Amino acid sequence: LVSALLVVDAVVIFSGLTVNDVLRTIQPDVHCKGTDYTVETVPERETV
């Protein structure tokens, strides 16, 4: 469903409570989180 959205270029399924492993693997320029977070409260902030 998510991959069918025009704004999405690729989808990967991951395991774990955080996305740290994917972040370390591809090192995106920016990690985006929703407005229920602040930059300071993002669990993966230190990895990024």
All heavy atoms as atom14 arrays in JSON, in Angstrom:
{
  "sequence": "LVSALLVVDAVVIFSGLTVNDVLRTIQPDVHCKGTDYTVETVPERETV",
  "atom14_mask": [
    [1, 1, 1, 1, 1, 1, 1, 1, 0, 0, 0, 0, 0, 0],
    [1, 1, 1, 1, 1, 1, 1, 0, 0, 0, 0, 0, 0, 0],
    [1, 1, 1, 1, 1, 1, 0, 0, 0, 0, 0, 0, 0, 0],
    [1, 1, 1, 1, 1, 0, 0, 0, 0, 0, 0, 0, 0, 0],
    [1, 1, 1, 1, 1, 1, 1, 1, 0, 0, 0, 0, 0, 0],
    [1, 1, 1, 1, 1, 1, 1, 1, 0, 0, 0, 0, 0, 0],
    [1, 1, 1, 1, 1, 1, 1, 0, 0, 0, 0, 0, 0, 0],
    [1, 1, 1, 1, 1, 1, 1, 0, 0, 0, 0, 0, 0, 0],
    [1, 1, 1, 1, 1, 1, 1, 1, 0, 0, 0, 0, 0, 0],
    [1, 1, 1, 1, 1, 0, 0, 0, 0, 0, 0, 0, 0, 0],
    [1, 1, 1, 1, 1, 1, 1, 0, 0, 0, 0, 0, 0, 0],
    [1, 1, 1, 1, 1, 1, 1, 0, 0, 0, 0, 0, 0, 0],
    [1, 1, 1, 1, 1, 1, 1, 1, 0, 0, 0, 0, 0, 0],
    [1, 1, 1, 1, 1, 1, 1, 1, 1, 1, 1, 0, 0, 0],
    [1, 1, 1, 1, 1, 1, 0, 0, 0, 0, 0, 0, 0, 0],
    [1, 1, 1, 1, 0, 0, 0, 0, 0, 0, 0, 0, 0, 0],
    [1, 1, 1, 1, 1, 1, 1, 1, 0, 0, 0, 0, 0, 0],
    [1, 1, 1, 1, 1, 1, 1, 0, 0, 0, 0, 0, 0, 0],
    [1, 1, 1, 1, 1, 1, 1, 0, 0, 0, 0, 0, 0, 0],
    [1, 1, 1, 1, 1, 1, 1, 1, 0, 0, 0, 0, 0, 0],
    [1, 1, 1, 1, 1, 1, 1, 1, 0, 0, 0, 0, 0, 0],
    [1, 1, 1, 1, 1, 1, 1, 0, 0, 0, 0, 0, 0, 0],
    [1, 1, 1, 1, 1, 1, 1, 1, 0, 0, 0, 0, 0, 0],
    [1, 1, 1, 1, 1, 1, 1, 1, 1, 1, 1, 0, 0, 0],
    [1, 1, 1, 1, 1, 1, 1, 0, 0, 0, 0, 0, 0, 0],
    [1, 1, 1, 1, 1, 1, 1, 1, 0, 0, 0, 0, 0, 0],
    [1, 1, 1, 1, 1, 1, 1, 1, 1, 0, 0, 0, 0, 0],
    [1, 1, 1, 1, 1, 1, 1, 0, 0, 0, 0, 0, 0, 0],
    [1, 1, 1, 1, 1, 1, 1, 1, 0, 0, 0, 0, 0, 0],
    [1, 1, 1, 1, 1, 1, 1, 0, 0, 0, 0, 0, 0, 0],
    [1, 1, 1, 1, 1, 1, 1, 1, 1, 1, 0, 0, 0, 0],
    [1, 1, 1, 1, 1, 1, 0, 0, 0, 0, 0, 0, 0, 0],
    [1, 1, 1, 1, 1, 1, 1, 1, 1, 0, 0, 0, 0, 0],
    [1, 1, 1, 1, 0, 0, 0, 0, 0, 0, 0, 0, 0, 0],
    [1, 1, 1, 1, 1, 1, 1, 0, 0, 0, 0, 0, 0, 0],
    [1, 1, 1, 1, 1, 1, 1, 1, 0, 0, 0, 0, 0, 0],
    [1, 1, 1, 1, 1, 1, 1, 1, 1, 1, 1, 1, 0, 0],
    [1, 1, 1, 1, 1, 1, 1, 0, 0, 0, 0, 0, 0, 0],
    [1, 1, 1, 1, 1, 1, 1, 0, 0, 0, 0, 0, 0, 0],
    [1, 1, 1, 1, 1, 1, 1, 1, 1, 0, 0, 0, 0, 0],
    [1, 1, 1, 1, 1, 1, 1, 0, 0, 0, 0, 0, 0, 0],
    [1, 1, 1, 1, 1, 1, 1, 0, 0, 0, 0, 0, 0, 0],
    [1, 1, 1, 1, 1, 1, 1, 0, 0, 0, 0, 0, 0, 0],
    [1, 1, 1, 1, 1, 1, 1, 1, 1, 0, 0, 0, 0, 0],
    [1, 1, 1, 1, 1, 1, 1, 1, 1, 1, 1, 0, 0, 0],
    [1, 1, 1, 1, 1, 1, 1, 1, 1, 0, 0, 0, 0, 0],
    [1, 1, 1, 1, 1, 1, 1, 0, 0, 0, 0, 0, 0, 0],
    [1, 1, 1, 1, 1, 1, 1, 0, 0, 0, 0, 0, 0, 0]
  ],
  "atom14_positions": [
    [[0.83, -1.21, 0.0], [0.0, 0.0, 0.0], [0.86, 1.26, 0.0], [0.64, 2.18, -0.79], [-0.93, 0.01, 1.22], [-2.11, -0.94, 1.17], [-2.74, -1.08, 2.55], [-3.13, -0.45, 0.15], [0.0, 0.0, 0.0], [0.0, 0.0, 0.0], [0.0, 0.0, 0.0], [0.0, 0.0, 0.0], [0.0, 0.0, 0.0], [0.0, 0.0, 0.0]],
    [[1.85, 1.31, 0.88], [2.71, 2.5, 0.96], [3.52, 2.67, -0.32], [3.7, 3.79, -0.8], [3.61, 2.43, 2.22], [4.67, 3.52, 2.2], [2.76, 2.53, 3.48], [0.0, 0.0, 0.0], [0.0, 0.0, 0.0], [0.0, 0.0, 0.0], [0.0, 0.0, 0.0], [0.0, 0.0, 0.0], [0.0, 0.0, 0.0], [0.0, 0.0, 0.0]],
    [[3.99, 1.57, -0.89], [4.8, 1.68, -2.11], [4.0, 2.23, -3.29], [4.58, 2.75, -4.24], [5.42, 0.33, -2.47], [4.45, -0.55, -3.0], [0.0, 0.0, 0.0], [0.0, 0.0, 0.0], [0.0, 0.0, 0.0], [0.0, 0.0, 0.0], [0.0, 0.0, 0.0], [0.0, 0.0, 0.0], [0.0, 0.0, 0.0], [0.0, 0.0, 0.0]],
    [[2.68, 2.12, -3.24], [1.84, 2.61, -4.33], [1.67, 4.13, -4.31], [1.19, 4.7, -5.29], [0.46, 1.94, -4.27], [0.0, 0.0, 0.0], [0.0, 0.0, 0.0], [0.0, 0.0, 0.0], [0.0, 0.0, 0.0], [0.0, 0.0, 0.0], [0.0, 0.0, 0.0], [0.0, 0.0, 0.0], [0.0, 0.0, 0.0], [0.0, 0.0, 0.0]],
    [[2.07, 4.78, -3.24], [1.94, 6.23, -3.15], [2.98, 6.92, -4.03], [4.16, 6.53, -4.02], [2.08, 6.68, -1.69], [1.05, 6.1, -0.73], [1.38, 6.48, 0.7], [-0.35, 6.56, -1.1], [0.0, 0.0, 0.0], [0.0, 0.0, 0.0], [0.0, 0.0, 0.0], [0.0, 0.0, 0.0], [0.0, 0.0, 0.0], [0.0, 0.0, 0.0]],
    [[2.58, 7.93, -4.76], [3.46, 8.59, -5.71], [4.7, 9.21, -5.06], [5.74, 9.29, -5.72], [2.69, 9.67, -6.48], [1.61, 9.16, -7.42], [0.86, 10.33, -8.06], [2.18, 8.24, -8.48], [0.0, 0.0, 0.0], [0.0, 0.0, 0.0], [0.0, 0.0, 0.0], [0.0, 0.0, 0.0], [0.0, 0.0, 0.0], [0.0, 0.0, 0.0]],
    [[4.62, 9.63, -3.82], [5.76, 10.27, -3.18], [6.83, 9.28, -2.72], [7.93, 9.67, -2.37], [5.33, 11.15, -1.98], [4.46, 12.3, -2.45], [4.67, 10.34, -0.89], [0.0, 0.0, 0.0], [0.0, 0.0, 0.0], [0.0, 0.0, 0.0], [0.0, 0.0, 0.0], [0.0, 0.0, 0.0], [0.0, 0.0, 0.0], [0.0, 0.0, 0.0]],
    [[6.52, 8.0, -2.74], [7.42, 6.98, -2.19], [8.24, 6.34, -3.31], [7.7, 5.87, -4.3], [6.61, 5.89, -1.44], [7.52, 4.77, -0.95], [5.86, 6.52, -0.27], [0.0, 0.0, 0.0], [0.0, 0.0, 0.0], [0.0, 0.0, 0.0], [0.0, 0.0, 0.0], [0.0, 0.0, 0.0], [0.0, 0.0, 0.0], [0.0, 0.0, 0.0]],
    [[9.56, 6.32, -3.11], [10.46, 5.73, -4.09], [10.8, 4.27, -3.8], [11.06, 3.51, -4.71], [11.74, 6.56, -4.18], [11.45, 7.93, -4.75], [11.08, 8.01, -5.93], [11.56, 8.93, -4.01], [0.0, 0.0, 0.0], [0.0, 0.0, 0.0], [0.0, 0.0, 0.0], [0.0, 0.0, 0.0], [0.0, 0.0, 0.0], [0.0, 0.0, 0.0]],
    [[10.82, 3.88, -2.54], [11.11, 2.5, -2.17], [10.62, 2.24, -0.75], [10.57, 3.16, 0.07], [12.61, 2.21, -2.26], [0.0, 0.0, 0.0], [0.0, 0.0, 0.0], [0.0, 0.0, 0.0], [0.0, 0.0, 0.0], [0.0, 0.0, 0.0], [0.0, 0.0, 0.0], [0.0, 0.0, 0.0], [0.0, 0.0, 0.0], [0.0, 0.0, 0.0]],
    [[10.28, 0.98, -0.49], [9.82, 0.55, 0.83], [10.63, -0.67, 1.24], [10.87, -1.56, 0.42], [8.32, 0.2, 0.82], [7.88, -0.37, 2.16], [7.48, 1.42, 0.47], [0.0, 0.0, 0.0], [0.0, 0.0, 0.0], [0.0, 0.0, 0.0], [0.0, 0.0, 0.0], [0.0, 0.0, 0.0], [0.0, 0.0, 0.0], [0.0, 0.0, 0.0]],
    [[11.03, -0.68, 2.5], [11.71, -1.84, 3.07], [11.03, -2.18, 4.39], [10.56, -1.29, 5.1], [13.23, -1.57, 3.27], [13.48, -0.5, 4.32], [13.98, -2.84, 3.59], [0.0, 0.0, 0.0], [0.0, 0.0, 0.0], [0.0, 0.0, 0.0], [0.0, 0.0, 0.0], [0.0, 0.0, 0.0], [0.0, 0.0, 0.0], [0.0, 0.0, 0.0]],
    [[10.93, -3.46, 4.69], [10.35, -3.91, 5.96], [11.51, -4.17, 6.91], [12.51, -4.78, 6.52], [9.5, -5.17, 5.74], [8.33, -4.87, 4.81], [9.01, -5.73, 7.08], [7.57, -6.1, 4.32], [0.0, 0.0, 0.0], [0.0, 0.0, 0.0], [0.0, 0.0, 0.0], [0.0, 0.0, 0.0], [0.0, 0.0, 0.0], [0.0, 0.0, 0.0]],
    [[11.37, -3.7, 8.16], [12.44, -3.91, 9.14], [11.87, -4.48, 10.43], [10.68, -4.35, 10.71], [13.2, -2.6, 9.4], [12.46, -1.6, 10.26], [12.73, -1.49, 11.62], [11.5, -0.78, 9.7], [12.05, -0.56, 12.4], [10.82, 0.14, 10.48], [11.1, 0.25, 11.83], [0.0, 0.0, 0.0], [0.0, 0.0, 0.0], [0.0, 0.0, 0.0]],
    [[12.75, -5.08, 11.21], [12.35, -5.59, 12.52], [13.01, -4.74, 13.59], [13.99, -4.05, 13.34], [12.76, -7.06, 12.66], [14.16, -7.18, 12.54], [0.0, 0.0, 0.0], [0.0, 0.0, 0.0], [0.0, 0.0, 0.0], [0.0, 0.0, 0.0], [0.0, 0.0, 0.0], [0.0, 0.0, 0.0], [0.0, 0.0, 0.0], [0.0, 0.0, 0.0]],
    [[12.46, -4.8, 14.78], [13.01, -4.03, 15.89], [12.14, -2.87, 16.27], [11.23, -2.48, 15.53], [0.0, 0.0, 0.0], [0.0, 0.0, 0.0], [0.0, 0.0, 0.0], [0.0, 0.0, 0.0], [0.0, 0.0, 0.0], [0.0, 0.0, 0.0], [0.0, 0.0, 0.0], [0.0, 0.0, 0.0], [0.0, 0.0, 0.0], [0.0, 0.0, 0.0]],
    [[12.43, -2.31, 17.42], [11.62, -1.21, 17.94], [12.05, 0.14, 17.41], [11.31, 1.11, 17.51], [11.66, -1.22, 19.47], [11.13, -2.5, 20.12], [11.2, -2.4, 21.63], [9.71, -2.81, 19.65], [0.0, 0.0, 0.0], [0.0, 0.0, 0.0], [0.0, 0.0, 0.0], [0.0, 0.0, 0.0], [0.0, 0.0, 0.0], [0.0, 0.0, 0.0]],
    [[13.26, 0.22, 16.85], [13.73, 1.46, 16.21], [14.22, 1.11, 14.82], [14.46, -0.06, 14.49], [14.88, 2.14, 16.99], [16.05, 1.32, 16.88], [14.51, 2.37, 18.45], [0.0, 0.0, 0.0], [0.0, 0.0, 0.0], [0.0, 0.0, 0.0], [0.0, 0.0, 0.0], [0.0, 0.0, 0.0], [0.0, 0.0, 0.0], [0.0, 0.0, 0.0]],
    [[14.43, 2.13, 14.02], [14.9, 1.95, 12.65], [16.41, 2.19, 12.55], [16.95, 2.4, 11.47], [14.08, 2.87, 11.7], [14.48, 4.33, 11.85], [14.16, 2.4, 10.27], [0.0, 0.0, 0.0], [0.0, 0.0, 0.0], [0.0, 0.0, 0.0], [0.0, 0.0, 0.0], [0.0, 0.0, 0.0], [0.0, 0.0, 0.0], [0.0, 0.0, 0.0]],
    [[17.12, 2.1, 13.68], [18.56, 2.36, 13.71], [19.34, 1.53, 12.7], [20.26, 2.04, 12.05], [19.12, 2.14, 15.11], [18.85, 3.31, 16.02], [18.97, 4.46, 15.6], [18.5, 3.05, 17.26], [0.0, 0.0, 0.0], [0.0, 0.0, 0.0], [0.0, 0.0, 0.0], [0.0, 0.0, 0.0], [0.0, 0.0, 0.0], [0.0, 0.0, 0.0]],
    [[19.04, 0.25, 12.55], [19.79, -0.6, 11.62], [19.67, -0.1, 10.19], [20.66, -0.08, 9.46], [19.33, -2.05, 11.72], [19.81, -2.74, 12.98], [20.72, -2.2, 13.66], [19.28, -3.83, 13.29], [0.0, 0.0, 0.0], [0.0, 0.0, 0.0], [0.0, 0.0, 0.0], [0.0, 0.0, 0.0], [0.0, 0.0, 0.0], [0.0, 0.0, 0.0]],
    [[18.47, 0.29, 9.77], [18.29, 0.8, 8.41], [19.04, 2.13, 8.26], [19.7, 2.36, 7.25], [16.79, 0.97, 8.07], [16.61, 1.59, 6.68], [16.06, -0.37, 8.16], [0.0, 0.0, 0.0], [0.0, 0.0, 0.0], [0.0, 0.0, 0.0], [0.0, 0.0, 0.0], [0.0, 0.0, 0.0], [0.0, 0.0, 0.0], [0.0, 0.0, 0.0]],
    [[18.96, 2.98, 9.26], [19.68, 4.26, 9.21], [21.18, 4.03, 9.06], [21.83, 4.68, 8.22], [19.41, 5.07, 10.48], [18.03, 5.69, 10.59], [17.75, 6.14, 12.01], [17.87, 6.84, 9.62], [0.0, 0.0, 0.0], [0.0, 0.0, 0.0], [0.0, 0.0, 0.0], [0.0, 0.0, 0.0], [0.0, 0.0, 0.0], [0.0, 0.0, 0.0]],
    [[21.75, 3.12, 9.83], [23.19, 2.85, 9.73], [23.54, 2.27, 8.36], [24.61, 2.55, 7.81], [23.62, 1.89, 10.82], [23.67, 2.5, 12.2], [24.25, 1.52, 13.23], [23.92, 1.94, 14.56], [22.93, 1.42, 15.3], [22.2, 0.42, 14.84], [22.7, 1.87, 16.51], [0.0, 0.0, 0.0], [0.0, 0.0, 0.0], [0.0, 0.0, 0.0]],
    [[22.65, 1.46, 7.81], [22.92, 0.8, 6.54], [22.91, 1.76, 5.36], [23.82, 1.73, 4.53], [21.89, -0.33, 6.29], [22.0, -1.28, 7.36], [22.12, -1.02, 4.97], [0.0, 0.0, 0.0], [0.0, 0.0, 0.0], [0.0, 0.0, 0.0], [0.0, 0.0, 0.0], [0.0, 0.0, 0.0], [0.0, 0.0, 0.0], [0.0, 0.0, 0.0]],
    [[21.9, 2.63, 5.28], [21.81, 3.51, 4.09], [22.2, 4.95, 4.35], [22.39, 5.71, 3.41], [20.4, 3.45, 3.45], [19.34, 4.06, 4.37], [20.07, 2.04, 3.01], [18.01, 4.31, 3.68], [0.0, 0.0, 0.0], [0.0, 0.0, 0.0], [0.0, 0.0, 0.0], [0.0, 0.0, 0.0], [0.0, 0.0, 0.0], [0.0, 0.0, 0.0]],
    [[22.31, 5.35, 5.61], [22.71, 6.7, 5.99], [22.03, 7.78, 5.15], [22.67, 8.53, 4.4], [24.23, 6.85, 5.93], [24.93, 5.91, 6.9], [26.41, 6.14, 6.99], [27.0, 6.95, 6.26], [27.05, 5.42, 7.89], [0.0, 0.0, 0.0], [0.0, 0.0, 0.0], [0.0, 0.0, 0.0], [0.0, 0.0, 0.0], [0.0, 0.0, 0.0]],
    [[20.7, 7.87, 5.28], [19.99, 8.9, 4.5], [20.41, 10.3, 4.92], [20.86, 10.53, 6.05], [18.52, 8.64, 4.87], [18.59, 8.03, 6.23], [19.83, 7.18, 6.22], [0.0, 0.0, 0.0], [0.0, 0.0, 0.0], [0.0, 0.0, 0.0], [0.0, 0.0, 0.0], [0.0, 0.0, 0.0], [0.0, 0.0, 0.0], [0.0, 0.0, 0.0]],
    [[20.25, 11.23, 4.02], [20.6, 12.62, 4.32], [19.72, 13.16, 5.45], [20.18, 13.94, 6.27], [20.41, 13.49, 3.07], [21.29, 13.0, 1.94], [22.5, 13.27, 1.98], [20.77, 12.32, 1.04], [0.0, 0.0, 0.0], [0.0, 0.0, 0.0], [0.0, 0.0, 0.0], [0.0, 0.0, 0.0], [0.0, 0.0, 0.0], [0.0, 0.0, 0.0]],
    [[18.47, 12.72, 5.46], [17.53, 13.2, 6.47], [16.64, 12.05, 6.95], [16.19, 11.24, 6.13], [16.71, 14.4, 5.96], [15.94, 14.07, 4.72], [15.78, 14.95, 7.02], [0.0, 0.0, 0.0], [0.0, 0.0, 0.0], [0.0, 0.0, 0.0], [0.0, 0.0, 0.0], [0.0, 0.0, 0.0], [0.0, 0.0, 0.0], [0.0, 0.0, 0.0]],
    [[16.43, 11.99, 8.23], [15.5, 11.03, 8.84], [14.27, 11.83, 9.26], [14.37, 12.77, 10.04], [16.15, 10.37, 10.06], [15.25, 9.4, 10.75], [15.26, 9.26, 12.12], [14.31, 8.54, 10.3], [14.37, 8.35, 12.47], [13.78, 7.9, 11.38], [0.0, 0.0, 0.0], [0.0, 0.0, 0.0], [0.0, 0.0, 0.0], [0.0, 0.0, 0.0]],
    [[13.13, 11.46, 8.73], [11.89, 12.2, 8.98], [11.02, 11.47, 10.0], [10.8, 10.27, 9.89], [11.12, 12.38, 7.68], [12.05, 13.27, 6.42], [0.0, 0.0, 0.0], [0.0, 0.0, 0.0], [0.0, 0.0, 0.0], [0.0, 0.0, 0.0], [0.0, 0.0, 0.0], [0.0, 0.0, 0.0], [0.0, 0.0, 0.0], [0.0, 0.0, 0.0]],
    [[10.53, 12.22, 10.96], [9.61, 11.69, 11.97], [8.39, 12.59, 12.03], [8.44, 13.76, 11.65], [10.28, 11.64, 13.34], [11.44, 10.67, 13.44], [11.02, 9.22, 13.25], [10.62, 8.59, 14.55], [10.41, 7.14, 14.44], [0.0, 0.0, 0.0], [0.0, 0.0, 0.0], [0.0, 0.0, 0.0], [0.0, 0.0, 0.0], [0.0, 0.0, 0.0]],
    [[7.3, 12.04, 12.55], [6.05, 12.78, 12.64], [6.03, 13.77, 13.78], [6.93, 13.82, 14.63], [0.0, 0.0, 0.0], [0.0, 0.0, 0.0], [0.0, 0.0, 0.0], [0.0, 0.0, 0.0], [0.0, 0.0, 0.0], [0.0, 0.0, 0.0], [0.0, 0.0, 0.0], [0.0, 0.0, 0.0], [0.0, 0.0, 0.0], [0.0, 0.0, 0.0]],
    [[4.97, 14.55, 13.81], [4.86, 15.66, 14.77], [4.58, 15.22, 16.2], [4.49, 16.07, 17.08], [3.78, 16.66, 14.31], [2.54, 15.96, 14.17], [4.16, 17.31, 12.99], [0.0, 0.0, 0.0], [0.0, 0.0, 0.0], [0.0, 0.0, 0.0], [0.0, 0.0, 0.0], [0.0, 0.0, 0.0], [0.0, 0.0, 0.0], [0.0, 0.0, 0.0]],
    [[4.47, 13.92, 16.44], [4.36, 13.46, 17.82], [5.75, 13.42, 18.46], [5.88, 13.08, 19.64], [3.65, 12.1, 17.92], [4.12, 11.08, 16.9], [4.66, 11.47, 15.85], [3.92, 9.88, 17.15], [0.0, 0.0, 0.0], [0.0, 0.0, 0.0], [0.0, 0.0, 0.0], [0.0, 0.0, 0.0], [0.0, 0.0, 0.0], [0.0, 0.0, 0.0]],
    [[6.78, 13.78, 17.71], [8.16, 13.88, 18.21], [8.64, 15.32, 18.1], [8.08, 16.13, 17.36], [9.11, 13.02, 17.36], [8.9, 11.54, 17.5], [8.06, 10.86, 16.62], [9.53, 10.82, 18.51], [7.86, 9.49, 16.75], [9.33, 9.45, 18.64], [8.5, 8.8, 17.75], [8.3, 7.45, 17.87], [0.0, 0.0, 0.0], [0.0, 0.0, 0.0]],
    [[9.73, 15.6, 18.8], [10.55, 16.78, 18.54], [11.9, 16.23, 18.11], [12.19, 15.04, 18.33], [10.73, 17.66, 19.8], [11.48, 16.92, 20.78], [9.38, 18.09, 20.38], [0.0, 0.0, 0.0], [0.0, 0.0, 0.0], [0.0, 0.0, 0.0], [0.0, 0.0, 0.0], [0.0, 0.0, 0.0], [0.0, 0.0, 0.0], [0.0, 0.0, 0.0]],
    [[12.74, 17.06, 17.52], [14.06, 16.58, 17.11], [14.78, 15.95, 18.3], [15.46, 14.93, 18.16], [14.89, 17.74, 16.49], [16.34, 17.33, 16.28], [14.26, 18.19, 15.17], [0.0, 0.0, 0.0], [0.0, 0.0, 0.0], [0.0, 0.0, 0.0], [0.0, 0.0, 0.0], [0.0, 0.0, 0.0], [0.0, 0.0, 0.0], [0.0, 0.0, 0.0]],
    [[14.61, 16.52, 19.48], [15.3, 16.03, 20.67], [14.76, 14.69, 21.19], [15.46, 13.97, 21.87], [15.23, 17.07, 21.8], [15.98, 18.36, 21.53], [15.26, 19.28, 20.54], [14.01, 19.21, 20.4], [15.97, 20.07, 19.88], [0.0, 0.0, 0.0], [0.0, 0.0, 0.0], [0.0, 0.0, 0.0], [0.0, 0.0, 0.0], [0.0, 0.0, 0.0]],
    [[13.5, 14.35, 20.87], [12.91, 13.12, 21.4], [12.9, 11.95, 20.41], [12.45, 10.86, 20.76], [11.46, 13.35, 21.89], [10.65, 13.74, 20.78], [11.41, 14.4, 22.99], [0.0, 0.0, 0.0], [0.0, 0.0, 0.0], [0.0, 0.0, 0.0], [0.0, 0.0, 0.0], [0.0, 0.0, 0.0], [0.0, 0.0, 0.0], [0.0, 0.0, 0.0]],
    [[13.41, 12.15, 19.21], [13.46, 11.07, 18.23], [14.41, 9.98, 18.74], [15.58, 10.28, 19.02], [13.92, 11.6, 16.84], [14.21, 10.47, 15.88], [12.87, 12.55, 16.27], [0.0, 0.0, 0.0], [0.0, 0.0, 0.0], [0.0, 0.0, 0.0], [0.0, 0.0, 0.0], [0.0, 0.0, 0.0], [0.0, 0.0, 0.0], [0.0, 0.0, 0.0]],
    [[13.93, 8.75, 18.87], [14.76, 7.68, 19.44], [16.06, 7.42, 18.67], [17.06, 7.02, 19.26], [13.86, 6.44, 19.39], [12.48, 6.95, 19.24], [12.58, 8.28, 18.57], [0.0, 0.0, 0.0], [0.0, 0.0, 0.0], [0.0, 0.0, 0.0], [0.0, 0.0, 0.0], [0.0, 0.0, 0.0], [0.0, 0.0, 0.0], [0.0, 0.0, 0.0]],
    [[16.05, 7.66, 17.37], [17.22, 7.39, 16.54], [18.12, 8.61, 16.34], [19.06, 8.58, 15.54], [16.75, 6.87, 15.16], [15.88, 5.64, 15.22], [14.38, 5.92, 15.37], [13.99, 7.1, 15.54], [13.59, 4.96, 15.32], [0.0, 0.0, 0.0], [0.0, 0.0, 0.0], [0.0, 0.0, 0.0], [0.0, 0.0, 0.0], [0.0, 0.0, 0.0]],
    [[17.88, 9.65, 17.08], [18.6, 10.92, 16.89], [20.12, 10.76, 16.94], [20.84, 11.28, 16.09], [18.15, 11.92, 17.96], [18.79, 13.28, 17.84], [18.18, 14.26, 18.85], [18.72, 15.58, 18.67], [19.7, 16.09, 19.42], [20.22, 15.37, 20.39], [20.14, 17.3, 19.2], [0.0, 0.0, 0.0], [0.0, 0.0, 0.0], [0.0, 0.0, 0.0]],
    [[20.63, 10.03, 17.92], [22.08, 9.87, 18.06], [22.68, 9.11, 16.87], [23.78, 9.43, 16.44], [22.42, 9.17, 19.38], [22.1, 10.0, 20.62], [22.79, 11.37, 20.62], [23.99, 11.44, 20.26], [22.12, 12.36, 20.97], [0.0, 0.0, 0.0], [0.0, 0.0, 0.0], [0.0, 0.0, 0.0], [0.0, 0.0, 0.0], [0.0, 0.0, 0.0]],
    [[21.97, 8.14, 16.36], [22.44, 7.39, 15.19], [22.58, 8.32, 14.0], [23.59, 8.3, 13.29], [21.47, 6.24, 14.87], [21.41, 5.36, 15.99], [21.89, 5.48, 13.62], [0.0, 0.0, 0.0], [0.0, 0.0, 0.0], [0.0, 0.0, 0.0], [0.0, 0.0, 0.0], [0.0, 0.0, 0.0], [0.0, 0.0, 0.0], [0.0, 0.0, 0.0]],
    [[21.58, 9.15, 13.77], [21.6, 10.09, 12.64], [22.74, 11.09, 12.81], [23.48, 11.37, 11.86], [20.23, 10.8, 12.51], [20.27, 11.86, 11.43], [19.14, 9.78, 12.21], [0.0, 0.0, 0.0], [0.0, 0.0, 0.0], [0.0, 0.0, 0.0], [0.0, 0.0, 0.0], [0.0, 0.0, 0.0], [0.0, 0.0, 0.0], [0.0, 0.0, 0.0]]
  ]
}
